[in-house]
PDB file of N, CA and C in Angstrom:
ATOM      1  N   ASP A   1      85.375 -45.660 -52.060  1.00  0.00           N
ATOM      2  CA  ASP A   1      86.154 -45.085 -50.717  1.00  0.00           C
ATOM      3  C   ASP A   1      87.631 -45.506 -50.045  1.00  0.00           C
ATOM      4  N   GLN A   2      88.863 -45.272 -50.329  1.00  0.00           N
ATOM      5  CA  GLN A   2      90.114 -46.122 -50.153  1.00  0.00           C
ATOM      6  C   GLN A   2      90.361 -45.926 -48.729  1.00  0.00           C
ATOM      7  N   LEU A   3      89.488 -45.684 -47.898  1.00  0.00           N
ATOM      8  CA  LEU A   3      90.248 -45.553 -46.759  1.00  0.00           C
ATOM      9  C   LEU A   3      89.236 -46.773 -45.129  1.00  0.00           C
ATOM     10  N   THR A   4      89.912 -46.779 -44.514  1.00  0.00           N
ATOM     11  CA  THR A   4      89.248 -48.940 -44.021  1.00  0.00           C
ATOM     12  C   THR A   4      88.507 -48.097 -42.979  1.00  0.00           C
ATOM     13  N   ALA A   5      87.163 -48.602 -43.099  1.00  0.00           N
ATOM     14  CA  ALA A   5      86.754 -48.197 -41.834  1.00  0.00           C
ATOM     15  C   ALA A   5      87.227 -48.001 -40.325  1.00  0.00           C
ATOM     16  N   ARG A   6      87.965 -48.071 -39.925  1.00  0.00           N
ATOM     17  CA  ARG A   6      89.527 -47.456 -38.669  1.00  0.00           C
ATOM     18  C   ARG A   6      89.686 -46.139 -38.812  1.00  0.00           C
ATOM     19  N   GLU A   7      89.850 -46.165 -40.524  1.00  0.00           N
ATOM     20  CA  GLU A   7      90.700 -44.594 -40.641  1.00  0.00           C
ATOM     21  C   GLU A   7      89.332 -44.052 -40.844  1.00  0.00           C
ATOM     22  N   GLN A   8      88.441 -44.167 -41.258  1.00  0.00           N
ATOM     23  CA  GLN A   8      87.269 -43.249 -41.872  1.00  0.00           C
ATOM     24  C   GLN A   8      86.974 -42.962 -39.830  1.00  0.00           C
ATOM     25  N   GLU A   9      86.908 -44.142 -39.264  1.00  0.00           N
ATOM     26  CA  GLU A   9      86.561 -43.615 -37.325  1.00  0.00           C
ATOM     27  C   GLU A   9      87.321 -42.572 -36.850  1.00  0.00           C
ATOM     28  N   VAL A  10      89.139 -42.353 -36.866  1.00  0.00           N
ATOM     29  CA  VAL A  10      90.245 -41.777 -36.700  1.00  0.00           C
ATOM     30  C   VAL A  10      89.423 -40.499 -37.322  1.00  0.00           C
ATOM     31  N   LEU A  11      89.539 -40.422 -38.739  1.00  0.00           N
ATOM     32  CA  LEU A  11      89.184 -39.102 -39.224  1.00  0.00           C
ATOM     33  C   LEU A  11      87.968 -38.607 -38.640  1.00  0.00           C
ATOM     34  N   LYS A  12      86.798 -39.038 -38.282  1.00  0.00           N
ATOM     35  CA  LYS A  12      85.749 -37.956 -37.821  1.00  0.00           C
ATOM     36  C   LYS A  12      86.592 -37.513 -36.427  1.00  0.00           C
ATOM     37  N   HIS A  13      86.854 -38.354 -35.247  1.00  0.00           N
ATOM     38  CA  HIS A  13      87.986 -37.609 -34.501  1.00  0.00           C
ATOM     39  C   HIS A  13      89.002 -36.418 -34.318  1.00  0.00           C
ATOM     40  N   ILE A  14      89.366 -36.719 -35.626  1.00  0.00           N
ATOM     41  CA  ILE A  14      89.950 -35.084 -36.467  1.00  0.00           C
ATOM     42  C   ILE A  14      89.795 -34.630 -36.180  1.00  0.00           C
ATOM     43  N   ALA A  15      88.564 -34.756 -36.950  1.00  0.00           N
ATOM     44  CA  ALA A  15      87.758 -33.079 -37.086  1.00  0.00           C
ATOM     45  C   ALA A  15      87.062 -33.236 -36.450  1.00  0.00           C
ATOM     46  N   ALA A  16      87.175 -33.255 -34.500  1.00  0.00           N
ATOM     47  CA  ALA A  16      85.913 -33.359 -33.814  1.00  0.00           C
ATOM     48  C   ALA A  16      87.152 -32.721 -32.729  1.00  0.00           C
ATOM     49  N   GLY A  17      88.764 -32.533 -33.575  1.00  0.00           N
ATOM     50  CA  GLY A  17      90.097 -31.686 -32.512  1.00  0.00           C
ATOM     51  C   GLY A  17      90.259 -32.862 -31.716  1.00  0.00           C
ATOM     52  N   GLN A  18      90.130 -33.887 -31.811  1.00  0.00           N
ATOM     53  CA  GLN A  18      90.412 -34.408 -30.790  1.00  0.00           C
ATOM     54  C   GLN A  18      92.243 -34.908 -30.887  1.00  0.00           C
ATOM     55  N   SER A  19      92.854 -34.997 -29.294  1.00  0.00           N
ATOM     56  CA  SER A  19      94.408 -35.495 -29.937  1.00  0.00           C
ATOM     57  C   SER A  19      94.844 -36.737 -30.164  1.00  0.00           C
ATOM     58  N   ASN A  20      95.757 -37.022 -30.540  1.00  0.00           N
ATOM     59  CA  ASN A  20      96.307 -38.212 -30.729  1.00  0.00           C
ATOM     60  C   ASN A  20      95.612 -39.686 -29.520  1.00  0.00           C
ATOM     61  N   LYS A  21      96.152 -38.899 -28.762  1.00  0.00           N
ATOM     62  CA  LYS A  21      95.648 -39.393 -27.037  1.00  0.00           C
ATOM     63  C   LYS A  21      94.619 -39.720 -26.715  1.00  0.00           C
ATOM     64  N   GLN A  22      93.815 -38.800 -26.660  1.00  0.00           N
ATOM     65  CA  GLN A  22      92.104 -38.827 -26.964  1.00  0.00           C
ATOM     66  C   GLN A  22      91.636 -39.580 -28.038  1.00  0.00           C
ATOM     67  N   ILE A  23      91.761 -40.158 -29.078  1.00  0.00           N
ATOM     68  CA  ILE A  23      91.320 -40.226 -30.074  1.00  0.00           C
ATOM     69  C   ILE A  23      91.769 -41.595 -29.528  1.00  0.00           C
ATOM     70  N   ALA A  24      93.170 -41.795 -28.808  1.00  0.00           N
ATOM     71  CA  ALA A  24      93.886 -43.282 -29.151  1.00  0.00           C
ATOM     72  C   ALA A  24      92.615 -44.275 -27.672  1.00  0.00           C
ATOM     73  N   ARG A  25      92.283 -43.369 -26.693  1.00  0.00           N
ATOM     74  CA  ARG A  25      91.384 -43.341 -25.451  1.00  0.00           C
ATOM     75  C   ARG A  25      90.218 -43.974 -25.598  1.00  0.00           C
ATOM     76  N   ASP A  26      89.343 -43.097 -26.931  1.00  0.00           N
ATOM     77  CA  ASP A  26      88.213 -43.743 -26.983  1.00  0.00           C
ATOM     78  C   ASP A  26      88.024 -44.798 -28.013  1.00  0.00           C
ATOM     79  N   LEU A  27      88.940 -44.974 -28.844  1.00  0.00           N
ATOM     80  CA  LEU A  27      88.967 -46.243 -29.932  1.00  0.00           C
ATOM     81  C   LEU A  27      89.417 -47.183 -28.858  1.00  0.00           C
ATOM     82  N   ASP A  28      89.951 -46.949 -28.152  1.00  0.00           N
ATOM     83  CA  ASP A  28      90.609 -48.458 -27.284  1.00  0.00           C
ATOM     84  C   ASP A  28      91.918 -48.722 -27.754  1.00  0.00           C
ATOM     85  N   LEU A  29      92.582 -47.844 -28.224  1.00  0.00           N
ATOM     86  CA  LEU A  29      94.209 -48.076 -28.759  1.00  0.00           C
ATOM     87  C   LEU A  29      95.622 -46.985 -28.422  1.00  0.00           C
ATOM     88  N   SER A  30      96.367 -47.951 -28.829  1.00  0.00           N
ATOM     89  CA  SER A  30      97.697 -46.445 -28.506  1.00  0.00           C
ATOM     90  C   SER A  30      97.840 -46.021 -29.306  1.00  0.00           C
ATOM     91  N   VAL A  31      98.606 -44.951 -28.857  1.00  0.00           N
ATOM     92  CA  VAL A  31      98.926 -43.821 -29.475  1.00  0.00           C
ATOM     93  C   VAL A  31      99.785 -43.927 -30.861  1.00  0.00           C
ATOM     94  N   ARG A  32     100.171 -44.549 -31.035  1.00  0.00           N
ATOM     95  CA  ARG A  32     100.996 -45.392 -32.096  1.00  0.00           C
ATOM     96  C   ARG A  32     100.432 -45.951 -32.511  1.00  0.00           C
ATOM     97  N   THR A  33      99.365 -46.527 -32.979  1.00  0.00           N
ATOM     98  CA  THR A  33      98.223 -47.080 -34.149  1.00  0.00           C
ATOM     99  C   THR A  33      97.089 -45.590 -34.553  1.00  0.00           C
ATOM    100  N   VAL A  34      97.400 -44.680 -33.697  1.00  0.00           N
ATOM    101  CA  VAL A  34      96.906 -43.836 -33.991  1.00  0.00           C
ATOM    102  C   VAL A  34      97.509 -43.252 -35.282  1.00  0.00           C
ATOM    103  N   GLU A  35      98.455 -42.902 -34.426  1.00  0.00           N
ATOM    104  CA  GLU A  35      99.613 -41.869 -35.512  1.00  0.00           C
ATOM    105  C   GLU A  35      99.990 -42.878 -36.429  1.00  0.00           C
ATOM    106  N   THR A  36      99.618 -44.393 -36.813  1.00  0.00           N
ATOM    107  CA  THR A  36     100.168 -44.461 -37.970  1.00  0.00           C
ATOM    108  C   THR A  36      99.011 -44.445 -38.571  1.00  0.00           C
ATOM    109  N   HIS A  37      97.936 -44.457 -38.405  1.00  0.00           N
ATOM    110  CA  HIS A  37      96.011 -44.353 -39.249  1.00  0.00           C
ATOM    111  C   HIS A  37      96.670 -43.439 -39.694  1.00  0.00           C
ATOM    112  N   ARG A  38      96.494 -41.706 -38.198  1.00  0.00           N
ATOM    113  CA  ARG A  38      96.577 -40.613 -39.375  1.00  0.00           C
ATOM    114  C   ARG A  38      97.972 -40.349 -40.594  1.00  0.00           C
ATOM    115  N   LEU A  39      98.941 -40.926 -40.428  1.00  0.00           N
ATOM    116  CA  LEU A  39      99.724 -41.448 -41.762  1.00  0.00           C
ATOM    117  C   LEU A  39     100.207 -41.662 -42.772  1.00  0.00           C
ATOM    118  N   ASN A  40      98.662 -43.127 -42.576  1.00  0.00           N
ATOM    119  CA  ASN A  40      98.282 -43.620 -43.541  1.00  0.00           C
ATOM    120  C   ASN A  40      97.137 -42.622 -44.023  1.00  0.00           C
ATOM    121  N   ILE A  41      96.159 -41.854 -43.838  1.00  0.00           N
ATOM    122  CA  ILE A  41      95.877 -41.493 -44.610  1.00  0.00           C
ATOM    123  C   ILE A  41      95.974 -40.073 -45.084  1.00  0.00           C
ATOM    124  N   LYS A  42      96.839 -39.359 -44.462  1.00  0.00           N
ATOM    125  CA  LYS A  42      98.001 -38.834 -45.642  1.00  0.00           C
ATOM    126  C   LYS A  42      97.822 -39.142 -47.073  1.00  0.00           C
ATOM    127  N   ARG A  43      98.676 -40.289 -46.072  1.00  0.00           N
ATOM    128  CA  ARG A  43      99.338 -41.475 -47.521  1.00  0.00           C
ATOM    129  C   ARG A  43      98.525 -41.625 -48.457  1.00  0.00           C
ATOM    130  N   LYS A  44      97.500 -42.324 -48.230  1.00  0.00           N
ATOM    131  CA  LYS A  44      96.495 -42.697 -49.206  1.00  0.00           C
ATOM    132  C   LYS A  44      95.669 -41.222 -49.672  1.00  0.00           C
ATOM    133  N   LEU A  45      95.445 -40.118 -48.791  1.00  0.00           N
ATOM    134  CA  LEU A  45      94.673 -39.189 -49.734  1.00  0.00           C
ATOM    135  C   LEU A  45      95.749 -38.108 -49.992  1.00  0.00           C
ATOM    136  N   GLY A  46      97.260 -38.083 -50.791  1.00  0.00           N
ATOM    137  CA  GLY A  46      97.982 -37.127 -50.853  1.00  0.00           C
ATOM    138  C   GLY A  46      97.709 -36.548 -50.639  1.00  0.00           C
ATOM    139  N   ILE A  47      97.805 -35.905 -48.563  1.00  0.00           N
ATOM    140  CA  ILE A  47      98.498 -34.804 -47.654  1.00  0.00           C
ATOM    141  C   ILE A  47      99.075 -35.114 -47.345  1.00  0.00           C
ATOM    142  N   GLU A  48      99.486 -32.809 -46.973  1.00  0.00           N
ATOM    143  CA  GLU A  48     101.269 -33.148 -46.882  1.00  0.00           C
ATOM    144  C   GLU A  48     101.174 -33.084 -44.916  1.00  0.00           C
ATOM    145  N   GLY A  49     101.079 -31.882 -44.756  1.00  0.00           N
ATOM    146  CA  GLY A  49     100.157 -31.791 -42.802  1.00  0.00           C
ATOM    147  C   GLY A  49      99.470 -31.990 -42.588  1.00  0.00           C
ATOM    148  N   GLN A  50      99.634 -31.792 -40.930  1.00  0.00           N
ATOM    149  CA  GLN A  50      98.298 -31.711 -39.754  1.00  0.00           C
ATOM    150  C   GLN A  50      98.217 -31.394 -40.532  1.00  0.00           C
ATOM    151  N   ALA A  51      97.621 -29.773 -41.203  1.00  0.00           N
ATOM    152  CA  ALA A  51      97.087 -28.554 -40.899  1.00  0.00           C
ATOM    153  C   ALA A  51      95.855 -29.013 -42.037  1.00  0.00           C
ATOM    154  N   GLU A  52      96.522 -29.939 -42.886  1.00  0.00           N
ATOM    155  CA  GLU A  52      95.451 -29.845 -44.773  1.00  0.00           C
ATOM    156  C   GLU A  52      94.686 -31.540 -44.135  1.00  0.00           C
ATOM    157  N   LEU A  53      94.886 -32.245 -43.411  1.00  0.00           N
ATOM    158  CA  LEU A  53      94.662 -33.233 -42.579  1.00  0.00           C
ATOM    159  C   LEU A  53      93.572 -33.024 -41.626  1.00  0.00           C
ATOM    160  N   ILE A  54      93.705 -31.848 -41.247  1.00  0.00           N
ATOM    161  CA  ILE A  54      92.353 -31.540 -39.983  1.00  0.00           C
ATOM    162  C   ILE A  54      91.158 -30.654 -40.805  1.00  0.00           C
ATOM    163  N   ARG A  55      91.574 -29.945 -41.901  1.00  0.00           N
ATOM    164  CA  ARG A  55      90.911 -29.064 -42.968  1.00  0.00           C
ATOM    165  C   ARG A  55      89.784 -30.111 -43.435  1.00  0.00           C
ATOM    166  N   PHE A  56      90.548 -30.885 -44.378  1.00  0.00           N
ATOM    167  CA  PHE A  56      89.686 -32.235 -44.964  1.00  0.00           C
ATOM    168  C   PHE A  56      88.877 -32.931 -43.914  1.00  0.00           C
ATOM    169  N   ALA A  57      89.220 -33.164 -43.257  1.00  0.00           N
ATOM    170  CA  ALA A  57      88.442 -34.078 -42.014  1.00  0.00           C
ATOM    171  C   ALA A  57      87.370 -33.230 -41.453  1.00  0.00           C
ATOM    172  N   VAL A  58      87.678 -31.990 -41.495  1.00  0.00           N
ATOM    173  CA  VAL A  58      86.410 -30.832 -40.794  1.00  0.00           C
ATOM    174  C   VAL A  58      85.572 -31.031 -42.099  1.00  0.00           C
ATOM    175  N   GLN A  59      85.972 -30.552 -43.335  1.00  0.00           N
ATOM    176  CA  GLN A  59      85.474 -30.698 -44.432  1.00  0.00           C
ATOM    177  C   GLN A  59      84.658 -31.907 -44.973  1.00  0.00           C
ATOM    178  N   ARG A  60      85.129 -33.081 -44.237  1.00  0.00           N
ATOM    179  CA  ARG A  60      84.652 -34.261 -44.868  1.00  0.00           C
ATOM    180  C   ARG A  60      83.351 -34.178 -43.963  1.00  0.00           C
ATOM    181  N   ALA A  61      83.561 -34.073 -42.812  1.00  0.00           N
ATOM    182  CA  ALA A  61      82.245 -34.381 -41.393  1.00  0.00           C
ATOM    183  C   ALA A  61      81.547 -33.236 -42.010  1.00  0.00           C
ATOM    184  N   GLY A  62      81.791 -32.129 -42.143  1.00  0.00           N
ATOM    185  CA  GLY A  62      80.413 -31.493 -43.025  1.00  0.00           C
ATOM    186  C   GLY A  62      79.620 -31.816 -43.685  1.00  0.00           C
ATOM    187  N   ALA A  63      80.261 -32.633 -44.575  1.00  0.00           N
ATOM    188  CA  ALA A  63      79.770 -33.042 -45.996  1.00  0.00           C
ATOM    189  C   ALA A  63      78.604 -34.138 -45.108  1.00  0.00           C
ATOM    190  N   ASP A  64      78.713 -34.487 -44.384  1.00  0.00           N
ATOM    191  CA  ASP A  64      78.255 -36.174 -44.032  1.00  0.00           C
ATOM    192  C   ASP A  64      77.126 -36.131 -43.316  1.00  0.00           C
TER     193      ASP A  64
END
């Protein structure tokens, strides 16, 4: 898998429907760091928008 462990963790929280602020609080990160992880995930996976990222995260969560 091309995502780091932290990016995979953020992706799981995205699949759960959490906001950047909620993810940051749960993972003890800054909101800016969560935003950066989201951008890196989208870049690595070739995903364009937030809706596509959420759809991917939910599908992946269902496959785990």
